[in-house]
Amino acid sequence: MDLFNQSEREIKEAARPLADRMRPKSLDAFVGQTHLLGKESLLCRAIEEDRLFSVIFWGPPGSGKTTLARIMAGETKSHFETFSAVLSGVKEIRGVIDEAKAQLRYHQNKTVLFVDEIHRFNKAQQDAFLPHVENGLITLIGATTENPSFEVISPLLSRARVMVLQPFSDEELSIILRQAINDKENGLGTLSLKVEPDALAHIIWSADGDARVALSNLEAAASLVQEKGVTKRKITRSVAEAALQKKALRYDKAGEEHYDLISAFHKSMRGSDPDAALYWLGRMLVAGEDPLYIARRMVRFASEDVGNADPKALSVAVSAMQAFQFVGLPEGDLALAQAAVYLATAPKSNALYAGYGKVKESIGKTGTLPAPLHIRNAPTRLMKDLGYGKDYKYAHNFTDAHVSQEYLPEKLRGQVYYEPTDRGYEKIIKERLARWRKLRTKNHGG
């Protein structure tokens, strides 16, 4: 029976994914996140002194959130409980709390409760945890890929520290992968693999800072050569591409190709060529560019190159970004494509961009000019006595809700920053402004 149980355990252990087997069990073995794990850091001192505090780890997938939670519990000898925000409800929370009370009563063990995807908690679930976090019965460690300030209730957020994890750098992923290649106990060391530098670079590039993805891709590549003889177990670039089912296009996300392609994309939209815009968008997405980076550039483009010639352009760009965040890849790429075509075919104007540039130039030259007295706020009697708000004309009391009065500082009176074009909706704005400026000149005696 013992031999059977041992064999069963070995089979289960071998079936565990490489990413899980290589999960570090101590801070010394953890690679990366040095901004959180320096020797004198708050987190390291809390672990060393067994004075854990509730924390929410916010970071992208595969950045070590779960691993850090397990290390915190293991190195402080705390009782560790995990909770699924997706599969469990308030009833299960009560069970966790009862177990925490029992651990404290019978074993003097503190309970560390790890909640993965804490952003999926509803308000009732978060409220149920709150008093037990507050009285110290449980130390809560949450993990989320979403901004916790939007997803976690304020009372719970105020009782936990938010720590931001970063994607692993290429150098850090290289260390993690080489450890897995050489580790004979938990990694792939018994296979005596040879991994060409170009293949390793491709695996790292395709992981995009995600250690779990990098290890999974390495394991997939190893599976293609492990049946070969020891001398032939070599992972080449072509083997890596076959394992990932993705041929790498020439693209350096931090170098020349990155800037060349985003420039080509931007200039194709500015030049009103939807076909070229779609092509460069596709090139970047297929090559692994961050889709949200592209979305942010389109939001910028909507204001810089379209502006008020088509005020809807900004809404379209922002909606595409939100749609992508909601849907993700691969389906979300169509929302980006839709926005790219809309922006490329929209009327163009850089009047807003140029006008705001003039404003910044003026501020640089004239400094902090005071606002005219008649448009200042006057919430106190003293301010009113000093003339704040005096003789202000409320626009809605006049025909067409327009009244001629000065709004710029005295030194800048008559200055024009925004000069709309005759294209798109800006033509209407231009006519309206011309009419108002004519009235202002007339009312001011020429």
Protein backbone atom coordinates (compact mmCIF):
# COMPACT_ATOMS: atom_id res chain seq x y z
CA MET A 1 0.00 0.00 0.00
CA ASP A 2 2.85 2.37 0.88
CA LEU A 3 4.62 1.60 -2.41
CA PHE A 4 1.36 2.12 -4.30
CA ASN A 5 0.76 5.45 -2.58
CA GLN A 6 4.32 6.53 -3.25
CA SER A 7 3.99 5.63 -6.93
CA GLU A 8 0.70 7.51 -7.15
CA ARG A 9 2.31 10.59 -5.62
CA GLU A 10 5.20 10.41 -8.10
CA ILE A 11 2.77 10.21 -11.04
CA LYS A 12 0.83 13.20 -9.77
CA GLU A 13 4.06 15.14 -9.21
CA ALA A 14 5.27 14.39 -12.73
CA ALA A 15 1.91 15.52 -14.14
CA ARG A 16 2.17 18.96 -12.54
CA PRO A 17 2.97 21.71 -15.04
CA LEU A 18 6.55 22.92 -15.11
CA ALA A 19 5.43 26.40 -14.02
CA ASP A 20 3.93 24.94 -10.85
CA ARG A 21 6.88 22.65 -10.13
CA MET A 22 9.35 25.54 -10.48
CA ARG A 23 7.42 27.83 -8.17
CA PRO A 24 10.01 29.16 -5.65
CA LYS A 25 9.36 28.31 -2.01
CA SER A 26 11.44 31.05 -0.37
CA LEU A 27 12.25 34.71 -0.89
CA ASP A 28 15.88 33.83 -1.60
CA ALA A 29 14.76 31.73 -4.56
CA PHE A 30 12.37 34.33 -5.93
CA VAL A 31 13.58 36.14 -9.04
CA GLY A 32 12.47 39.69 -9.80
CA GLN A 33 10.21 42.30 -8.15
CA THR A 34 13.28 43.80 -6.50
CA HIS A 35 11.40 47.03 -5.79
CA LEU A 36 9.27 45.04 -3.31
CA LEU A 37 11.76 42.45 -2.10
CA GLY A 38 14.92 44.37 -1.24
CA LYS A 39 16.57 43.24 1.99
CA GLU A 40 15.37 46.28 3.93
CA SER A 41 11.97 46.45 2.25
CA LEU A 42 8.77 46.57 4.27
CA LEU A 43 7.61 43.21 2.92
CA CYS A 44 10.86 41.37 3.63
CA ARG A 45 11.07 42.75 7.17
CA ALA A 46 7.44 41.78 7.83
CA ILE A 47 8.14 38.21 6.72
CA GLU A 48 11.42 37.93 8.67
CA GLU A 49 9.82 39.31 11.85
CA ASP A 50 6.61 37.28 11.39
CA ARG A 51 4.53 40.45 11.40
CA LEU A 52 2.46 40.00 8.27
CA PHE A 53 -0.05 42.61 7.21
CA SER A 54 -2.94 42.42 4.78
CA VAL A 55 -1.84 43.19 1.25
CA ILE A 56 -3.24 43.26 -2.25
CA PHE A 57 -0.81 42.32 -5.00
CA TRP A 58 -1.72 44.13 -8.21
CA GLY A 59 0.09 43.08 -11.33
CA PRO A 60 -0.17 41.38 -14.72
CA PRO A 61 -0.62 37.61 -15.12
CA GLY A 62 2.45 35.54 -14.34
CA SER A 63 4.20 38.20 -12.26
CA GLY A 64 4.43 36.08 -9.08
CA LYS A 65 1.38 37.14 -7.06
CA THR A 66 0.35 33.64 -5.97
CA THR A 67 3.95 32.59 -5.37
CA LEU A 68 4.61 35.55 -3.08
CA ALA A 69 1.44 34.78 -1.12
CA ARG A 70 2.57 31.16 -0.54
CA ILE A 71 6.06 32.30 0.48
CA MET A 72 4.59 34.77 2.96
CA ALA A 73 2.54 32.02 4.60
CA GLY A 74 5.31 29.38 4.47
CA GLU A 75 8.14 31.50 5.86
CA THR A 76 6.01 32.78 8.74
CA LYS A 77 4.57 29.35 9.65
CA SER A 78 1.05 30.64 9.20
CA HIS A 79 -1.96 28.51 8.33
CA PHE A 80 -2.58 29.07 4.61
CA GLU A 81 -6.05 29.06 3.09
CA THR A 82 -6.98 29.77 -0.50
CA PHE A 83 -10.31 31.09 -1.63
CA SER A 84 -11.82 31.35 -5.10
CA ALA A 85 -13.68 34.56 -5.74
CA VAL A 86 -15.23 32.88 -8.78
CA LEU A 87 -16.46 29.58 -7.30
CA SER A 88 -17.25 30.46 -3.68
CA GLY A 89 -19.77 32.62 -1.85
CA VAL A 90 -20.60 33.92 1.61
CA LYS A 91 -21.30 30.39 2.89
CA GLU A 92 -17.77 29.29 2.07
CA ILE A 93 -16.41 32.45 3.69
CA ARG A 94 -18.04 31.42 6.97
CA GLY A 95 -16.26 28.06 6.72
CA VAL A 96 -12.92 29.79 6.24
CA ILE A 97 -13.55 32.02 9.25
CA ASP A 98 -14.50 29.02 11.44
CA GLU A 99 -11.28 27.25 10.42
CA ALA A 100 -9.26 30.37 11.19
CA LYS A 101 -10.77 30.52 14.68
CA ALA A 102 -9.95 26.83 15.23
CA GLN A 103 -6.35 27.29 14.07
CA LEU A 104 -5.90 30.16 16.50
CA ARG A 105 -7.59 28.37 19.41
CA TYR A 106 -5.95 24.95 19.12
CA HIS A 107 -2.64 25.59 17.33
CA GLN A 108 -1.96 29.31 17.96
CA ASN A 109 -1.54 29.64 14.22
CA LYS A 110 -2.46 32.82 12.41
CA THR A 111 -4.36 32.34 9.16
CA VAL A 112 -3.24 33.82 5.89
CA LEU A 113 -6.14 33.85 3.44
CA PHE A 114 -5.16 34.10 -0.20
CA VAL A 115 -7.89 35.33 -2.53
CA ASP A 116 -6.97 35.05 -6.18
CA GLU A 117 -8.79 37.37 -8.57
CA ILE A 118 -10.09 39.42 -5.67
CA HIS A 119 -11.52 41.89 -8.19
CA ARG A 120 -14.23 39.30 -8.89
CA PHE A 121 -15.55 39.54 -5.32
CA ASN A 122 -18.97 41.12 -5.05
CA LYS A 123 -19.72 43.66 -2.33
CA ALA A 124 -21.43 41.09 -0.05
CA GLN A 125 -18.35 38.86 -0.13
CA GLN A 126 -16.01 41.76 0.60
CA ASP A 127 -18.25 42.96 3.45
CA ALA A 128 -18.20 39.45 4.98
CA PHE A 129 -14.38 39.51 5.17
CA LEU A 130 -14.08 43.05 6.47
CA PRO A 131 -14.59 42.56 10.26
CA HIS A 132 -12.21 39.57 10.37
CA VAL A 133 -9.49 41.49 8.58
CA GLU A 134 -10.08 44.42 10.89
CA ASN A 135 -9.79 42.38 14.12
CA GLY A 136 -6.73 40.49 12.87
CA LEU A 137 -8.27 37.02 12.77
CA ILE A 138 -7.13 36.66 9.17
CA THR A 139 -4.38 38.28 7.18
CA LEU A 140 -5.77 38.88 3.73
CA ILE A 141 -3.60 38.56 0.66
CA GLY A 142 -5.45 39.44 -2.49
CA ALA A 143 -4.21 39.10 -6.05
CA THR A 144 -5.64 41.04 -8.95
CA THR A 145 -4.83 42.06 -12.48
CA GLU A 146 -7.34 44.93 -12.22
CA ASN A 147 -6.93 48.30 -10.52
CA PRO A 148 -8.03 47.57 -6.92
CA SER A 149 -9.16 51.16 -6.36
CA PHE A 150 -12.02 50.42 -8.75
CA GLU A 151 -12.76 46.83 -7.74
CA VAL A 152 -12.22 46.63 -3.95
CA ILE A 153 -14.49 48.41 -1.46
CA SER A 154 -12.88 51.37 0.29
CA PRO A 155 -13.07 49.98 3.89
CA LEU A 156 -11.28 46.79 2.84
CA LEU A 157 -8.79 48.68 0.70
CA SER A 158 -7.93 50.99 3.60
CA ARG A 159 -7.00 47.98 5.76
CA ALA A 160 -4.62 46.48 3.21
CA ARG A 161 -1.51 47.75 1.48
CA VAL A 162 -1.52 47.71 -2.30
CA MET A 163 1.75 46.48 -3.78
CA VAL A 164 2.28 46.73 -7.51
CA LEU A 165 4.11 43.92 -9.31
CA GLN A 166 5.78 44.50 -12.66
CA PRO A 167 6.11 42.13 -15.63
CA PHE A 168 9.36 40.17 -15.51
CA SER A 169 12.17 41.64 -17.57
CA ASP A 170 13.81 39.59 -20.31
CA GLU A 171 16.88 39.12 -18.10
CA GLU A 172 14.74 37.82 -15.22
CA LEU A 173 12.84 35.45 -17.50
CA SER A 174 16.17 34.19 -18.83
CA ILE A 175 17.28 33.34 -15.26
CA ILE A 176 13.96 31.60 -14.54
CA LEU A 177 14.11 29.52 -17.73
CA ARG A 178 17.75 28.51 -17.26
CA GLN A 179 16.94 27.38 -13.73
CA ALA A 180 14.17 25.20 -15.13
CA ILE A 181 16.45 23.79 -17.83
CA ASN A 182 19.10 22.76 -15.27
CA ASP A 183 16.94 21.74 -12.28
CA LYS A 184 16.96 17.93 -12.07
CA GLU A 185 14.48 17.67 -9.21
CA ASN A 186 11.63 19.93 -10.30
CA GLY A 187 12.65 21.10 -13.75
CA LEU A 188 13.89 19.60 -17.00
CA GLY A 189 17.45 18.85 -15.87
CA THR A 190 17.17 15.08 -16.37
CA LEU A 191 16.53 15.62 -20.10
CA SER A 192 19.98 17.18 -20.67
CA LEU A 193 18.45 19.74 -23.01
CA LYS A 194 20.47 22.07 -25.17
CA VAL A 195 18.64 25.32 -25.90
CA GLU A 196 20.00 27.64 -28.55
CA PRO A 197 20.21 31.30 -27.50
CA ASP A 198 17.94 32.32 -30.39
CA ALA A 199 15.31 29.81 -29.27
CA LEU A 200 15.49 30.99 -25.68
CA ALA A 201 15.13 34.60 -26.84
CA HIS A 202 12.03 33.67 -28.86
CA ILE A 203 10.43 31.92 -25.88
CA ILE A 204 11.15 34.95 -23.70
CA TRP A 205 9.85 37.38 -26.31
CA SER A 206 6.59 35.48 -26.76
CA ALA A 207 5.96 35.39 -22.99
CA ASP A 208 5.74 39.20 -22.78
CA GLY A 209 6.92 39.34 -19.16
CA ASP A 210 4.74 36.43 -17.96
CA ALA A 211 6.84 33.78 -16.17
CA ARG A 212 4.04 31.20 -16.27
CA VAL A 213 3.74 31.54 -20.04
CA ALA A 214 7.51 31.40 -20.49
CA LEU A 215 7.81 28.15 -18.51
CA SER A 216 4.81 26.63 -20.29
CA ASN A 217 6.32 27.49 -23.67
CA LEU A 218 9.64 25.98 -22.63
CA GLU A 219 7.88 22.82 -21.50
CA ALA A 220 6.00 22.62 -24.83
CA ALA A 221 9.28 22.98 -26.76
CA ALA A 222 10.94 20.31 -24.60
CA SER A 223 8.09 17.89 -25.30
CA LEU A 224 8.95 18.02 -29.03
CA VAL A 225 12.53 16.78 -28.50
CA GLN A 226 12.42 14.68 -25.31
CA GLU A 227 11.87 11.39 -27.18
CA LYS A 228 15.05 11.88 -29.17
CA GLY A 229 18.44 10.60 -28.13
CA VAL A 230 20.28 12.57 -25.48
CA THR A 231 22.67 14.12 -28.00
CA LYS A 232 19.77 15.29 -30.21
CA ARG A 233 17.66 16.96 -27.55
CA LYS A 234 18.21 20.44 -28.86
CA ILE A 235 15.65 23.23 -28.87
CA THR A 236 16.30 25.41 -31.90
CA ARG A 237 14.46 28.51 -33.06
CA SER A 238 12.33 26.42 -35.42
CA VAL A 239 11.44 23.99 -32.60
CA ALA A 240 10.43 26.91 -30.38
CA GLU A 241 8.28 28.39 -33.14
CA ALA A 242 6.64 25.00 -33.76
CA ALA A 243 5.92 24.56 -30.05
CA LEU A 244 4.38 28.02 -29.80
CA GLN A 245 2.58 27.55 -33.13
CA LYS A 246 3.64 31.05 -33.97
CA LYS A 247 6.36 32.19 -36.29
CA ALA A 248 8.04 35.32 -35.01
CA LEU A 249 8.00 38.36 -37.20
CA ARG A 250 11.03 40.62 -37.00
CA TYR A 251 9.96 42.98 -34.26
CA ASP A 252 11.67 44.48 -31.26
CA LYS A 253 9.10 45.88 -28.85
CA ALA A 254 11.67 48.17 -27.25
CA GLY A 255 13.69 49.08 -30.32
CA GLU A 256 13.65 50.41 -33.86
CA GLU A 257 10.93 48.14 -35.26
CA HIS A 258 8.56 49.16 -32.46
CA TYR A 259 8.92 52.85 -33.28
CA ASP A 260 8.96 52.33 -37.05
CA LEU A 261 5.68 50.41 -37.09
CA ILE A 262 3.77 52.64 -34.68
CA SER A 263 4.99 55.62 -36.73
CA ALA A 264 3.80 53.99 -39.95
CA PHE A 265 0.44 53.25 -38.33
CA HIS A 266 0.01 56.82 -37.04
CA LYS A 267 1.02 58.42 -40.34
CA SER A 268 -1.24 56.10 -42.34
CA MET A 269 -4.24 57.23 -40.27
CA ARG A 270 -3.15 60.88 -40.56
CA GLY A 271 -2.85 60.40 -44.31
CA SER A 272 -6.43 59.01 -44.44
CA ASP A 273 -5.35 55.58 -45.75
CA PRO A 274 -7.49 52.94 -43.97
CA ASP A 275 -5.87 50.04 -45.85
CA ALA A 276 -2.35 50.95 -44.72
CA ALA A 277 -3.64 51.66 -41.19
CA LEU A 278 -5.18 48.16 -41.01
CA TYR A 279 -1.99 46.59 -42.34
CA TRP A 280 0.31 48.23 -39.80
CA LEU A 281 -2.16 47.48 -37.01
CA GLY A 282 -2.13 43.82 -38.03
CA ARG A 283 1.67 43.74 -38.24
CA MET A 284 1.99 45.01 -34.68
CA LEU A 285 -0.67 42.72 -33.21
CA VAL A 286 0.68 39.59 -34.91
CA ALA A 287 4.20 40.47 -33.77
CA GLY A 288 3.09 40.70 -30.14
CA GLU A 289 2.80 44.43 -29.52
CA ASP A 290 0.77 45.36 -26.45
CA PRO A 291 -2.74 46.03 -27.87
CA LEU A 292 -3.46 48.59 -25.16
CA TYR A 293 -0.38 50.55 -26.22
CA ILE A 294 -1.86 50.74 -29.72
CA ALA A 295 -5.24 51.73 -28.26
CA ARG A 296 -3.64 54.52 -26.24
CA ARG A 297 -1.94 55.84 -29.36
CA MET A 298 -5.29 55.92 -31.17
CA VAL A 299 -6.85 57.86 -28.28
CA ARG A 300 -4.04 60.38 -28.60
CA PHE A 301 -4.46 60.48 -32.39
CA ALA A 302 -8.18 61.22 -32.04
CA SER A 303 -7.38 64.49 -30.24
CA GLU A 304 -4.12 65.38 -31.99
CA ASP A 305 -4.97 64.70 -35.64
CA VAL A 306 -8.78 64.66 -35.79
CA GLY A 307 -9.76 66.92 -32.93
CA ASN A 308 -13.03 68.78 -33.32
CA ALA A 309 -13.22 68.11 -37.04
CA ASP A 310 -15.01 64.98 -35.78
CA PRO A 311 -15.65 65.11 -32.01
CA LYS A 312 -16.94 61.51 -32.12
CA ALA A 313 -13.46 60.26 -32.97
CA LEU A 314 -12.32 60.43 -29.35
CA SER A 315 -15.38 58.47 -28.20
CA VAL A 316 -14.73 55.82 -30.85
CA ALA A 317 -11.07 55.46 -29.78
CA VAL A 318 -11.89 55.25 -26.07
CA SER A 319 -14.72 52.78 -26.73
CA ALA A 320 -12.35 50.58 -28.74
CA MET A 321 -9.89 50.55 -25.84
CA GLN A 322 -12.63 49.66 -23.36
CA ALA A 323 -14.04 47.00 -25.69
CA PHE A 324 -10.61 45.40 -25.99
CA GLN A 325 -10.16 45.41 -22.20
CA PHE A 326 -13.55 43.72 -21.88
CA VAL A 327 -13.11 41.10 -24.62
CA GLY A 328 -9.34 40.60 -24.87
CA LEU A 329 -7.52 38.70 -27.60
CA PRO A 330 -8.22 37.37 -30.14
CA GLU A 331 -11.76 38.76 -30.46
CA GLY A 332 -10.90 42.25 -29.22
CA ASP A 333 -8.57 43.02 -32.14
CA LEU A 334 -11.60 43.80 -34.32
CA ALA A 335 -12.57 46.71 -32.06
CA LEU A 336 -9.10 48.17 -32.59
CA ALA A 337 -9.42 47.65 -36.34
CA GLN A 338 -12.79 49.41 -36.37
CA ALA A 339 -11.35 52.42 -34.55
CA ALA A 340 -8.31 52.54 -36.84
CA VAL A 341 -10.50 52.68 -39.97
CA TYR A 342 -12.79 55.32 -38.41
CA LEU A 343 -9.84 57.52 -37.49
CA ALA A 344 -8.22 57.08 -40.89
CA THR A 345 -11.41 58.11 -42.72
CA ALA A 346 -12.38 60.97 -40.37
CA PRO A 347 -11.83 64.61 -41.38
CA LYS A 348 -8.51 65.81 -40.01
CA SER A 349 -7.53 68.87 -37.99
CA ASN A 350 -4.59 69.60 -35.76
CA ALA A 351 -6.05 72.96 -34.65
CA LEU A 352 -6.64 71.67 -31.14
CA TYR A 353 -3.08 70.30 -30.92
CA ALA A 354 -1.61 73.55 -32.26
CA GLY A 355 -3.81 75.71 -30.04
CA TYR A 356 -2.87 73.88 -26.89
CA GLY A 357 0.78 74.11 -27.90
CA LYS A 358 0.41 77.91 -28.07
CA VAL A 359 -1.17 77.91 -24.61
CA LYS A 360 1.79 76.07 -23.09
CA GLU A 361 4.16 78.46 -24.84
CA SER A 362 2.26 81.46 -23.43
CA ILE A 363 2.30 80.03 -19.91
CA GLY A 364 6.04 79.48 -20.21
CA LYS A 365 6.53 83.14 -21.16
CA THR A 366 4.01 84.90 -18.90
CA GLY A 367 3.93 82.63 -15.83
CA THR A 368 0.98 82.55 -13.44
CA LEU A 369 -1.17 85.49 -14.48
CA PRO A 370 -4.11 86.16 -12.14
CA ALA A 371 -7.67 85.51 -13.27
CA PRO A 372 -9.77 88.65 -13.86
CA LEU A 373 -11.72 89.62 -10.73
CA HIS A 374 -15.16 89.29 -12.33
CA ILE A 375 -14.70 85.55 -13.10
CA ARG A 376 -13.15 84.59 -9.76
CA ASN A 377 -15.02 82.51 -7.21
CA ALA A 378 -16.35 84.39 -4.17
CA PRO A 379 -17.38 81.87 -1.48
CA THR A 380 -16.68 84.23 1.47
CA ARG A 381 -17.77 87.78 2.45
CA LEU A 382 -14.16 88.97 2.38
CA MET A 383 -13.72 87.84 -1.21
CA LYS A 384 -16.92 89.59 -2.25
CA ASP A 385 -15.77 92.78 -0.54
CA LEU A 386 -12.51 92.54 -2.46
CA GLY A 387 -14.43 92.50 -5.73
CA TYR A 388 -14.28 88.79 -6.53
CA GLY A 389 -17.10 87.95 -8.95
CA LYS A 390 -18.25 91.58 -9.23
CA ASP A 391 -19.99 92.50 -12.51
CA TYR A 392 -19.85 88.89 -13.75
CA LYS A 393 -22.41 88.35 -16.54
CA TYR A 394 -24.21 85.00 -16.42
CA ALA A 395 -24.26 83.78 -20.02
CA HIS A 396 -27.63 82.02 -19.75
CA ASN A 397 -29.32 85.33 -19.05
CA PHE A 398 -28.45 86.55 -22.54
CA THR A 399 -29.58 85.74 -26.08
CA ASP A 400 -28.16 82.45 -27.36
CA ALA A 401 -26.46 82.01 -23.96
CA HIS A 402 -23.63 84.25 -25.11
CA VAL A 403 -22.33 87.46 -23.60
CA SER A 404 -19.29 89.52 -24.46
CA GLN A 405 -16.91 89.76 -21.52
CA GLU A 406 -13.23 89.07 -20.96
CA TYR A 407 -12.12 85.68 -19.68
CA LEU A 408 -8.37 85.80 -20.31
CA PRO A 409 -5.91 87.61 -18.04
CA GLU A 410 -5.50 91.33 -18.88
CA LYS A 411 -2.02 90.74 -20.32
CA LEU A 412 -3.39 88.19 -22.82
CA ARG A 413 -6.54 90.06 -23.84
CA GLY A 414 -7.45 89.35 -27.46
CA GLN A 415 -5.09 86.38 -27.74
CA VAL A 416 -6.35 83.63 -30.10
CA TYR A 417 -5.12 80.09 -29.51
CA TYR A 418 -7.67 77.86 -31.19
CA GLU A 419 -8.14 78.45 -34.92
CA PRO A 420 -10.52 75.82 -36.33
CA THR A 421 -10.28 74.66 -39.93
CA ASP A 422 -13.02 74.45 -42.58
CA ARG A 423 -13.07 70.65 -42.32
CA GLY A 424 -15.80 68.54 -40.75
CA TYR A 425 -17.52 69.82 -37.64
CA GLU A 426 -14.82 72.46 -37.18
CA LYS A 427 -16.41 74.40 -40.01
CA ILE A 428 -19.47 74.91 -37.79
CA ILE A 429 -17.27 75.83 -34.83
CA LYS A 430 -15.35 78.33 -36.97
CA GLU A 431 -18.54 80.07 -38.10
CA ARG A 432 -19.83 80.21 -34.51
CA LEU A 433 -16.57 81.64 -33.16
CA ALA A 434 -16.42 84.22 -35.96
CA ARG A 435 -19.90 85.41 -35.05
CA TRP A 436 -19.05 85.65 -31.33
CA ARG A 437 -15.76 87.42 -31.97
CA LYS A 438 -17.53 89.93 -34.18
CA LEU A 439 -20.05 90.64 -31.41
CA ARG A 440 -17.26 91.02 -28.87
CA THR A 441 -15.39 93.49 -31.08
CA LYS A 442 -18.60 95.48 -31.64
CA ASN A 443 -19.46 95.57 -27.94
CA HIS A 444 -15.93 96.66 -27.04
CA GLY A 445 -16.07 99.54 -29.48
CA GLY A 446 -13.92 98.08 -32.19
